[in-house]
């Protein structure tokens, strides 16, 4: 079905055709109704001639019937000078299409940004989870190492304590036996104390150092020294440990004492063939 503007154009064209047809009929009828005017002229000549015959009169013109008046065509209403509706409709459709395309692109951009943000958050969560897992694994490893170290230290300390008790009992027994069977000359000789070679003292210190069970921490500043004097019995057992200088770390000092008792009895000095009554030993904490 034609649109309203198309119908108006068709009516205007039909009106123009009717007006042209009426004008053509009007001029045709007027031209036929005009009566021709006859003009007579006489020509005179000095010579007598025979008069020309009179022309026959023309028949009267036949009156043409007047055309029936036709109904005047309706005057079309003036069309406003507006743009072509098809062009306007196409322009509107194009604008709507561009708007829809722009909305789709904006929606796609927002979705891509949201997806990128989600992926970034997931990666960050995964990184933090891996970092937490790594820290937990390191802590678990350190705890296991510390537990193993503590258990080993406890076993060593227990064994050293047992050995220390045993050596103390044996030492006390030997001391009582030596007191009962020694002569005055022997007592005088022990009180003066035999001299010993320097290498012998270094050998005794090395043995004690090897038997010292203590884990030195890197956080301890410097290298503290524990200095003590060993008082020995003639059989090489320990009579007493006289502390000359503490290291400042009681755990290290106790570990050295346990090492002394676990190392005794000490052998005789090859140079003199006897056990010295006392030996001074210096032992550093970070040289075990």
C-alpha atoms as a PDB file:
ATOM      1  CA  UNK A   1       0.000   0.000   0.000  1.00  0.00           C
ATOM      2  CA  UNK A   2       1.534   3.350  -1.024  1.00  0.00           C
ATOM      3  CA  UNK A   3       2.592   5.718   1.683  1.00  0.00           C
ATOM      4  CA  UNK A   4       0.864   9.000   2.405  1.00  0.00           C
ATOM      5  CA  UNK A   5       3.478  11.165   0.595  1.00  0.00           C
ATOM      6  CA  UNK A   6       3.285   8.913  -2.500  1.00  0.00           C
ATOM      7  CA  UNK A   7      -0.518   9.188  -2.607  1.00  0.00           C
ATOM      8  CA  UNK A   8      -0.277  12.993  -2.439  1.00  0.00           C
ATOM      9  CA  UNK A   9       2.185  13.021  -5.323  1.00  0.00           C
ATOM     10  CA  UNK A  10      -0.129  10.840  -7.430  1.00  0.00           C
ATOM     11  CA  UNK A  11      -3.121  13.175  -6.758  1.00  0.00           C
ATOM     12  CA  UNK A  12      -1.077  16.248  -7.681  1.00  0.00           C
ATOM     13  CA  UNK A  13       0.052  14.650 -10.962  1.00  0.00           C
ATOM     14  CA  UNK A  14      -3.520  13.696 -11.869  1.00  0.00           C
ATOM     15  CA  UNK A  15      -4.699  17.249 -11.172  1.00  0.00           C
ATOM     16  CA  UNK A  16      -2.052  18.704 -13.454  1.00  0.00           C
ATOM     17  CA  UNK A  17      -3.059  16.321 -16.270  1.00  0.00           C
ATOM     18  CA  UNK A  18      -6.758  17.345 -15.927  1.00  0.00           C
ATOM     19  CA  UNK A  19      -5.853  21.025 -16.011  1.00  0.00           C
ATOM     20  CA  UNK A  20      -3.765  20.547 -19.185  1.00  0.00           C
ATOM     21  CA  UNK A  21      -6.582  18.594 -20.870  1.00  0.00           C
ATOM     22  CA  UNK A  22      -9.163  21.292 -20.070  1.00  0.00           C
ATOM     23  CA  UNK A  23      -6.874  23.987 -21.421  1.00  0.00           C
ATOM     24  CA  UNK A  24      -6.359  22.082 -24.664  1.00  0.00           C
ATOM     25  CA  UNK A  25     -10.112  21.573 -25.150  1.00  0.00           C
ATOM     26  CA  UNK A  26     -10.837  25.259 -24.413  1.00  0.00           C
ATOM     27  CA  UNK A  27      -8.386  26.589 -26.993  1.00  0.00           C
ATOM     28  CA  UNK A  28      -9.616  24.104 -29.607  1.00  0.00           C
ATOM     29  CA  UNK A  29     -13.243  25.098 -29.263  1.00  0.00           C
ATOM     30  CA  UNK A  30     -12.472  28.809 -29.349  1.00  0.00           C
ATOM     31  CA  UNK A  31     -10.472  28.427 -32.545  1.00  0.00           C
ATOM     32  CA  UNK A  32     -13.267  26.585 -34.339  1.00  0.00           C
ATOM     33  CA  UNK A  33     -15.991  29.121 -33.319  1.00  0.00           C
ATOM     34  CA  UNK A  34     -14.153  32.080 -34.897  1.00  0.00           C
ATOM     35  CA  UNK A  35     -15.993  33.153 -38.132  1.00  0.00           C
ATOM     36  CA  UNK A  36     -13.581  34.017 -40.981  1.00  0.00           C
ATOM     37  CA  UNK A  37     -13.999  37.591 -42.315  1.00  0.00           C
ATOM     38  CA  UNK A  38     -14.370  37.784 -46.129  1.00  0.00           C
ATOM     39  CA  UNK A  39     -12.547  40.648 -47.815  1.00  0.00           C
ATOM     40  CA  UNK A  40     -13.738  41.787 -51.234  1.00  0.00           C
ATOM     41  CA  UNK A  41     -11.534  43.750 -53.588  1.00  0.00           C
ATOM     42  CA  UNK A  42     -12.435  45.292 -56.987  1.00  0.00           C
ATOM     43  CA  UNK A  43      -9.853  45.698 -59.650  1.00  0.00           C
ATOM     44  CA  UNK A  44     -10.467  48.336 -62.330  1.00  0.00           C
ATOM     45  CA  UNK A  45      -8.875  48.273 -65.754  1.00  0.00           C
ATOM     46  CA  UNK A  46      -9.119  50.861 -68.626  1.00  0.00           C
ATOM     47  CA  UNK A  47      -9.970  48.063 -70.992  1.00  0.00           C
ATOM     48  CA  UNK A  48     -13.420  46.763 -70.896  1.00  0.00           C
ATOM     49  CA  UNK A  49     -13.406  43.238 -69.760  1.00  0.00           C
ATOM     50  CA  UNK A  50     -15.991  40.750 -68.911  1.00  0.00           C
ATOM     51  CA  UNK A  51     -16.988  41.024 -65.394  1.00  0.00           C
ATOM     52  CA  UNK A  52     -15.813  38.217 -63.237  1.00  0.00           C
ATOM     53  CA  UNK A  53     -18.478  35.969 -61.879  1.00  0.00           C
ATOM     54  CA  UNK A  54     -19.489  36.600 -58.316  1.00  0.00           C
ATOM     55  CA  UNK A  55     -18.106  34.049 -55.887  1.00  0.00           C
ATOM     56  CA  UNK A  56     -20.543  31.668 -54.396  1.00  0.00           C
ATOM     57  CA  UNK A  57     -21.330  32.459 -50.826  1.00  0.00           C
ATOM     58  CA  UNK A  58     -19.701  30.228 -48.249  1.00  0.00           C
ATOM     59  CA  UNK A  59     -21.913  28.013 -46.224  1.00  0.00           C
ATOM     60  CA  UNK A  60     -22.515  29.268 -42.741  1.00  0.00           C
ATOM     61  CA  UNK A  61     -20.284  27.701 -40.198  1.00  0.00           C
ATOM     62  CA  UNK A  62     -21.688  24.864 -38.310  1.00  0.00           C
ATOM     63  CA  UNK A  63     -21.934  25.690 -34.682  1.00  0.00           C
ATOM     64  CA  UNK A  64     -19.989  23.294 -32.578  1.00  0.00           C
ATOM     65  CA  UNK A  65     -21.648  22.111 -29.445  1.00  0.00           C
ATOM     66  CA  UNK A  66     -20.136  23.633 -26.404  1.00  0.00           C
ATOM     67  CA  UNK A  67     -18.402  21.063 -24.248  1.00  0.00           C
ATOM     68  CA  UNK A  68     -20.093  20.247 -21.051  1.00  0.00           C
ATOM     69  CA  UNK A  69     -18.405  22.027 -18.235  1.00  0.00           C
ATOM     70  CA  UNK A  70     -16.247  19.562 -16.336  1.00  0.00           C
ATOM     71  CA  UNK A  71     -15.928  19.494 -12.650  1.00  0.00           C
ATOM     72  CA  UNK A  72     -12.880  21.524 -11.670  1.00  0.00           C
ATOM     73  CA  UNK A  73     -10.062  19.462 -10.351  1.00  0.00           C
ATOM     74  CA  UNK A  74      -9.369  19.908  -6.657  1.00  0.00           C
ATOM     75  CA  UNK A  75      -6.524  22.198  -5.974  1.00  0.00           C
ATOM     76  CA  UNK A  76      -3.849  20.200  -4.152  1.00  0.00           C
ATOM     77  CA  UNK A  77      -2.791  21.471  -0.837  1.00  0.00           C
ATOM     78  CA  UNK A  78       0.644  23.039  -0.872  1.00  0.00           C
ATOM     79  CA  UNK A  79       3.260  20.515   0.054  1.00  0.00           C
ATOM     80  CA  UNK A  80       5.619  21.713   2.708  1.00  0.00           C
ATOM     81  CA  UNK A  81       9.258  21.853   1.749  1.00  0.00           C
ATOM     82  CA  UNK A  82      10.240  18.848   3.843  1.00  0.00           C
ATOM     83  CA  UNK A  83      13.033  16.373   3.183  1.00  0.00           C
ATOM     84  CA  UNK A  84      12.269  13.141   1.405  1.00  0.00           C
ATOM     85  CA  UNK A  85      10.732  10.746   3.962  1.00  0.00           C
ATOM     86  CA  UNK A  86      12.572   7.796   2.436  1.00  0.00           C
ATOM     87  CA  UNK A  87      15.880   9.598   2.897  1.00  0.00           C
ATOM     88  CA  UNK A  88      14.925  10.595   6.431  1.00  0.00           C
ATOM     89  CA  UNK A  89      13.851   7.012   7.178  1.00  0.00           C
ATOM     90  CA  UNK A  90      17.101   5.648   5.755  1.00  0.00           C
ATOM     91  CA  UNK A  91      19.097   8.194   7.745  1.00  0.00           C
ATOM     92  CA  UNK A  92      17.228   7.264  10.919  1.00  0.00           C
ATOM     93  CA  UNK A  93      17.776   3.565  10.238  1.00  0.00           C
ATOM     94  CA  UNK A  94      21.484   4.223   9.673  1.00  0.00           C
ATOM     95  CA  UNK A  95      21.747   6.202  12.922  1.00  0.00           C
ATOM     96  CA  UNK A  96      19.996   3.425  14.838  1.00  0.00           C
ATOM     97  CA  UNK A  97      22.340   0.867  13.278  1.00  0.00           C
ATOM     98  CA  UNK A  98      25.395   2.927  14.191  1.00  0.00           C
ATOM     99  CA  UNK A  99      24.074   3.389  17.734  1.00  0.00           C
ATOM    100  CA  UNK A 100      23.451  -0.334  18.075  1.00  0.00           C
ATOM    101  CA  UNK A 101      26.909  -1.132  16.712  1.00  0.00           C
ATOM    102  CA  UNK A 102      28.476   1.363  19.132  1.00  0.00           C
ATOM    103  CA  UNK A 103      26.563  -0.205  22.032  1.00  0.00           C
ATOM    104  CA  UNK A 104      27.709  -3.671  20.978  1.00  0.00           C
ATOM    105  CA  UNK A 105      31.338  -2.522  20.778  1.00  0.00           C
ATOM    106  CA  UNK A 106      31.099  -0.862  24.221  1.00  0.00           C
ATOM    107  CA  UNK A 107      29.540  -4.006  25.654  1.00  0.00           C
ATOM    108  CA  UNK A 108      32.280  -6.134  24.130  1.00  0.00           C
ATOM    109  CA  UNK A 109      34.953  -3.783  25.525  1.00  0.00           C
ATOM    110  CA  UNK A 110      33.433  -3.961  29.008  1.00  0.00           C
ATOM    111  CA  UNK A 111      33.304  -7.758  28.815  1.00  0.00           C
ATOM    112  CA  UNK A 112      36.962  -7.916  27.737  1.00  0.00           C
ATOM    113  CA  UNK A 113      38.001  -5.585  30.579  1.00  0.00           C
ATOM    114  CA  UNK A 114      36.000  -7.639  33.080  1.00  0.00           C
ATOM    115  CA  UNK A 115      37.596 -10.850  31.786  1.00  0.00           C
ATOM    116  CA  UNK A 116      41.100  -9.339  31.987  1.00  0.00           C
ATOM    117  CA  UNK A 117      40.413  -8.191  35.538  1.00  0.00           C
ATOM    118  CA  UNK A 118      39.134 -11.637  36.493  1.00  0.00           C
ATOM    119  CA  UNK A 119      42.187 -13.359  35.002  1.00  0.00           C
ATOM    120  CA  UNK A 120      44.502 -10.910  36.782  1.00  0.00           C
ATOM    121  CA  UNK A 121      42.742 -11.576  40.105  1.00  0.00           C
ATOM    122  CA  UNK A 122      42.972 -15.337  39.585  1.00  0.00           C
ATOM    123  CA  UNK A 123      46.678 -15.079  38.749  1.00  0.00           C
ATOM    124  CA  UNK A 124      47.267 -12.949  41.851  1.00  0.00           C
ATOM    125  CA  UNK A 125      45.357 -15.431  44.015  1.00  0.00           C
ATOM    126  CA  UNK A 126      47.348 -18.305  42.514  1.00  0.00           C
ATOM    127  CA  UNK A 127      50.620 -16.447  43.100  1.00  0.00           C
ATOM    128  CA  UNK A 128      49.715 -15.724  46.725  1.00  0.00           C
ATOM    129  CA  UNK A 129      48.618 -19.324  47.242  1.00  0.00           C
ATOM    130  CA  UNK A 130      51.899 -20.624  45.804  1.00  0.00           C
ATOM    131  CA  UNK A 131      53.820 -18.164  47.981  1.00  0.00           C
ATOM    132  CA  UNK A 132      51.916 -19.266  51.086  1.00  0.00           C
ATOM    133  CA  UNK A 133      52.500 -22.913  50.184  1.00  0.00           C
ATOM    134  CA  UNK A 134      56.199 -22.260  49.685  1.00  0.00           C
ATOM    135  CA  UNK A 135      56.441 -20.487  53.047  1.00  0.00           C
ATOM    136  CA  UNK A 136      54.517 -23.303  54.721  1.00  0.00           C
ATOM    137  CA  UNK A 137      56.810 -25.904  53.146  1.00  0.00           C
ATOM    138  CA  UNK A 138      59.903 -24.003  54.251  1.00  0.00           C
ATOM    139  CA  UNK A 139      58.526 -23.644  57.785  1.00  0.00           C
ATOM    140  CA  UNK A 140      57.619 -27.335  57.892  1.00  0.00           C
ATOM    141  CA  UNK A 141      61.107 -28.246  56.682  1.00  0.00           C
ATOM    142  CA  UNK A 142      62.750 -26.019  59.292  1.00  0.00           C
ATOM    143  CA  UNK A 143      60.490 -27.437  61.998  1.00  0.00           C
ATOM    144  CA  UNK A 144      61.416 -30.985  60.985  1.00  0.00           C
ATOM    145  CA  UNK A 145      65.099 -30.122  60.908  1.00  0.00           C
ATOM    146  CA  UNK A 146      64.845 -28.436  64.303  1.00  0.00           C
ATOM    147  CA  UNK A 147      62.915 -31.384  65.695  1.00  0.00           C
ATOM    148  CA  UNK A 148      65.509 -33.822  64.375  1.00  0.00           C
ATOM    149  CA  UNK A 149      68.316 -31.670  65.768  1.00  0.00           C
ATOM    150  CA  UNK A 150      66.617 -31.390  69.132  1.00  0.00           C
ATOM    151  CA  UNK A 151      66.031 -35.122  69.275  1.00  0.00           C
ATOM    152  CA  UNK A 152      69.645 -35.819  68.366  1.00  0.00           C
ATOM    153  CA  UNK A 153      70.869 -33.321  70.945  1.00  0.00           C
ATOM    154  CA  UNK A 154      68.607 -34.822  73.578  1.00  0.00           C
ATOM    155  CA  UNK A 155      69.892 -38.307  72.812  1.00  0.00           C
ATOM    156  CA  UNK A 156      73.472 -37.097  72.892  1.00  0.00           C
ATOM    157  CA  UNK A 157      72.924 -35.236  76.136  1.00  0.00           C
ATOM    158  CA  UNK A 158      71.236 -38.239  77.683  1.00  0.00           C
ATOM    159  CA  UNK A 159      74.078 -40.505  76.601  1.00  0.00           C
ATOM    160  CA  UNK A 160      76.647 -37.986  77.816  1.00  0.00           C
ATOM    161  CA  UNK A 161      74.886 -37.683  81.152  1.00  0.00           C
ATOM    162  CA  UNK A 162      74.809 -41.425  81.542  1.00  0.00           C
ATOM    163  CA  UNK A 163      78.462 -41.666  80.612  1.00  0.00           C
ATOM    164  CA  UNK A 164      79.240 -38.803  82.955  1.00  0.00           C
ATOM    165  CA  UNK A 165      77.520 -40.544  85.857  1.00  0.00           C
ATOM    166  CA  UNK A 166      79.354 -43.737  85.109  1.00  0.00           C
ATOM    167  CA  UNK A 167      82.688 -41.981  84.893  1.00  0.00           C
ATOM    168  CA  UNK A 168      82.036 -40.109  88.086  1.00  0.00           C
ATOM    169  CA  UNK A 169      81.310 -43.335  89.921  1.00  0.00           C
ATOM    170  CA  UNK A 170      84.413 -44.985  88.483  1.00  0.00           C
ATOM    171  CA  UNK A 171      86.506 -41.935  89.233  1.00  0.00           C
ATOM    172  CA  UNK A 172      85.326 -41.823  92.808  1.00  0.00           C
ATOM    173  CA  UNK A 173      86.031 -45.507  93.213  1.00  0.00           C
ATOM    174  CA  UNK A 174      89.526 -45.200  91.784  1.00  0.00           C
ATOM    175  CA  UNK A 175      90.184 -42.130  93.855  1.00  0.00           C
ATOM    176  CA  UNK A 176      89.319 -44.000  97.005  1.00  0.00           C
ATOM    177  CA  UNK A 177      91.466 -46.914  95.937  1.00  0.00           C
ATOM    178  CA  UNK A 178      94.413 -44.672  95.113  1.00  0.00           C
ATOM    179  CA  UNK A 179      94.153 -42.897  98.447  1.00  0.00           C
ATOM    180  CA  UNK A 180      94.158 -46.179 100.293  1.00  0.00           C
ATOM    181  CA  UNK A 181      97.140 -47.685  98.441  1.00  0.00           C
ATOM    182  CA  UNK A 182      99.401 -44.712  97.733  1.00  0.00           C
ATOM    183  CA  UNK A 183     102.563 -43.976  99.800  1.00  0.00           C
ATOM    184  CA  UNK A 184     103.808 -40.605 101.015  1.00  0.00           C
ATOM    185  CA  UNK A 185     106.407 -40.366  98.279  1.00  0.00           C
ATOM    186  CA  UNK A 186     103.726 -40.921  95.680  1.00  0.00           C
ATOM    187  CA  UNK A 187     101.640 -38.163  97.183  1.00  0.00           C
ATOM    188  CA  UNK A 188     104.557 -35.795  97.058  1.00  0.00           C
ATOM    189  CA  UNK A 189     105.193 -36.617  93.438  1.00  0.00           C
ATOM    190  CA  UNK A 190     101.554 -35.972  92.475  1.00  0.00           C
ATOM    191  CA  UNK A 191     101.407 -32.740  94.373  1.00  0.00           C
ATOM    192  CA  UNK A 192     104.362 -31.373  92.507  1.00  0.00           C
ATOM    193  CA  UNK A 193     102.856 -32.621  89.234  1.00  0.00           C
ATOM    194  CA  UNK A 194     104.863 -34.032  86.364  1.00  0.00           C
ATOM    195  CA  UNK A 195     105.698 -31.853  83.454  1.00  0.00           C
ATOM    196  CA  UNK A 196     104.161 -32.743  80.048  1.00  0.00           C
ATOM    197  CA  UNK A 197     104.909 -32.015  76.429  1.00  0.00           C
ATOM    198  CA  UNK A 198     102.944 -29.252  74.652  1.00  0.00           C
ATOM    199  CA  UNK A 199     101.866 -31.631  71.918  1.00  0.00           C
ATOM    200  CA  UNK A 200     100.291 -33.856  74.549  1.00  0.00           C
ATOM    201  CA  UNK A 201      98.078 -30.996  75.779  1.00  0.00           C
ATOM    202  CA  UNK A 202      97.061 -30.189  72.177  1.00  0.00           C
ATOM    203  CA  UNK A 203      96.181 -33.853  71.593  1.00  0.00           C
ATOM    204  CA  UNK A 204      93.951 -33.943  74.706  1.00  0.00           C
ATOM    205  CA  UNK A 205      92.227 -30.673  73.638  1.00  0.00           C
ATOM    206  CA  UNK A 206      91.599 -32.056  70.139  1.00  0.00           C
ATOM    207  CA  UNK A 207      89.961 -35.198  71.543  1.00  0.00           C
ATOM    208  CA  UNK A 208      87.658 -33.159  73.749  1.00  0.00           C
ATOM    209  CA  UNK A 209      86.809 -30.855  70.828  1.00  0.00           C
ATOM    210  CA  UNK A 210      85.825 -33.817  68.629  1.00  0.00           C
ATOM    211  CA  UNK A 211      83.458 -35.107  71.299  1.00  0.00           C
ATOM    212  CA  UNK A 212      81.771 -31.733  71.919  1.00  0.00           C
ATOM    213  CA  UNK A 213      78.198 -31.781  70.585  1.00  0.00           C
ATOM    214  CA  UNK A 214      76.999 -28.232  70.066  1.00  0.00           C
ATOM    215  CA  UNK A 215      75.452 -26.522  67.013  1.00  0.00           C
ATOM    216  CA  UNK A 216      76.826 -22.999  66.753  1.00  0.00           C
ATOM    217  CA  UNK A 217      74.409 -20.390  65.351  1.00  0.00           C
ATOM    218  CA  UNK A 218      75.599 -17.815  62.839  1.00  0.00           C
ATOM    219  CA  UNK A 219      73.690 -15.214  64.828  1.00  0.00           C
ATOM    220  CA  UNK A 220      76.204 -15.500  67.697  1.00  0.00           C
ATOM    221  CA  UNK A 221      78.622 -12.558  67.394  1.00  0.00           C
ATOM    222  CA  UNK A 222      82.353 -13.235  67.469  1.00  0.00           C
ATOM    223  CA  UNK A 223      83.841 -16.556  68.554  1.00  0.00           C
ATOM    224  CA  UNK A 224      83.506 -16.912  72.361  1.00  0.00           C
ATOM    225  CA  UNK A 225      86.147 -18.975  74.235  1.00  0.00           C
ATOM    226  CA  UNK A 226      85.631 -21.358  77.147  1.00  0.00           C
ATOM    227  CA  UNK A 227      88.831 -21.813  79.195  1.00  0.00           C
ATOM    228  CA  UNK A 228      89.114 -24.426  81.939  1.00  0.00           C
ATOM    229  CA  UNK A 229      91.699 -26.507  83.861  1.00  0.00           C
ATOM    230  CA  UNK A 230      91.466 -30.303  84.002  1.00  0.00           C
ATOM    231  CA  UNK A 231      92.542 -31.887  87.265  1.00  0.00           C
ATOM    232  CA  UNK A 232      93.396 -35.510  86.516  1.00  0.00           C
ATOM    233  CA  UNK A 233      93.925 -38.618  88.594  1.00  0.00           C
ATOM    234  CA  UNK A 234      96.876 -40.977  88.022  1.00  0.00           C
ATOM    235  CA  UNK A 235      94.691 -43.336  85.988  1.00  0.00           C
ATOM    236  CA  UNK A 236      93.689 -40.520  83.558  1.00  0.00           C
ATOM    237  CA  UNK A 237      90.188 -39.969  84.918  1.00  0.00           C
ATOM    238  CA  UNK A 238      88.883 -36.483  85.653  1.00  0.00           C
ATOM    239  CA  UNK A 239      89.130 -35.331  89.228  1.00  0.00           C
ATOM    240  CA  UNK A 240      87.716 -31.860  88.686  1.00  0.00           C
ATOM    241  CA  UNK A 241      87.024 -29.210  86.045  1.00  0.00           C
ATOM    242  CA  UNK A 242      88.064 -25.766  87.173  1.00  0.00           C
ATOM    243  CA  UNK A 243      86.529 -23.004  85.093  1.00  0.00           C
ATOM    244  CA  UNK A 244      88.958 -20.209  84.312  1.00  0.00           C
ATOM    245  CA  UNK A 245      86.851 -18.199  81.824  1.00  0.00           C
ATOM    246  CA  UNK A 246      83.250 -18.737  80.789  1.00  0.00           C
ATOM    247  CA  UNK A 247      82.190 -18.287  77.131  1.00  0.00           C
ATOM    248  CA  UNK A 248      78.997 -16.448  77.993  1.00  0.00           C
ATOM    249  CA  UNK A 249      76.877 -19.283  76.571  1.00  0.00           C
ATOM    250  CA  UNK A 250      76.075 -21.797  79.315  1.00  0.00           C
ATOM    251  CA  UNK A 251      74.815 -24.396  76.829  1.00  0.00           C
ATOM    252  CA  UNK A 252      78.233 -24.449  75.115  1.00  0.00           C
ATOM    253  CA  UNK A 253      80.099 -24.629  78.444  1.00  0.00           C
ATOM    254  CA  UNK A 254      77.972 -27.584  79.577  1.00  0.00           C
ATOM    255  CA  UNK A 255      78.494 -29.321  76.236  1.00  0.00           C
ATOM    256  CA  UNK A 256      82.277 -29.003  76.698  1.00  0.00           C
ATOM    257  CA  UNK A 257      82.061 -30.443  80.230  1.00  0.00           C
ATOM    258  CA  UNK A 258      80.103 -33.429  78.968  1.00  0.00           C
ATOM    259  CA  UNK A 259      82.695 -33.916  76.246  1.00  0.00           C
ATOM    260  CA  UNK A 260      85.492 -33.928  78.880  1.00  0.00           C
ATOM    261  CA  UNK A 261      83.885 -36.698  80.903  1.00  0.00           C
ATOM    262  CA  UNK A 262      82.942 -38.690  77.790  1.00  0.00           C
ATOM    263  CA  UNK A 263      86.559 -38.479  76.528  1.00  0.00           C
ATOM    264  CA  UNK A 264      88.217 -39.549  79.839  1.00  0.00           C
ATOM    265  CA  UNK A 265      90.162 -41.473  80.875  1.00  0.00           C
ATOM    266  CA  UNK A 266      93.078 -39.814  79.124  1.00  0.00           C
ATOM    267  CA  UNK A 267      96.211 -41.676  78.070  1.00  0.00           C
ATOM    268  CA  UNK A 268      99.638 -41.128  79.563  1.00  0.00           C
ATOM    269  CA  UNK A 269     102.052 -38.580  78.196  1.00  0.00           C
ATOM    270  CA  UNK A 270     104.509 -40.485  75.934  1.00  0.00           C
ATOM    271  CA  UNK A 271     107.310 -38.123  76.974  1.00  0.00           C
ATOM    272  CA  UNK A 272     107.030 -38.873  80.718  1.00  0.00           C
ATOM    273  CA  UNK A 273     104.955 -42.022  80.762  1.00  0.00           C
ATOM    274  CA  UNK A 274     102.718 -40.453  83.405  1.00  0.00           C
ATOM    275  CA  UNK A 275      99.401 -38.586  83.655  1.00  0.00           C
ATOM    276  CA  UNK A 276      99.784 -34.880  84.411  1.00  0.00           C
ATOM    277  CA  UNK A 277      97.901 -33.636  87.407  1.00  0.00           C
ATOM    278  CA  UNK A 278      96.353 -30.723  85.467  1.00  0.00           C
ATOM    279  CA  UNK A 279      95.955 -29.467  81.899  1.00  0.00           C
ATOM    280  CA  UNK A 280      94.676 -26.050  80.828  1.00  0.00           C
ATOM    281  CA  UNK A 281      92.422 -26.158  77.751  1.00  0.00           C
ATOM    282  CA  UNK A 282      90.926 -23.321  75.647  1.00  0.00           C
ATOM    283  CA  UNK A 283      88.026 -24.166  73.347  1.00  0.00           C
ATOM    284  CA  UNK A 284      86.270 -21.773  70.952  1.00  0.00           C
ATOM    285  CA  UNK A 285      82.537 -21.986  70.279  1.00  0.00           C
ATOM    286  CA  UNK A 286      82.650 -21.811  66.469  1.00  0.00           C
ATOM    287  CA  UNK A 287      85.553 -24.236  66.013  1.00  0.00           C
ATOM    288  CA  UNK A 288      83.638 -27.429  66.770  1.00  0.00           C
END
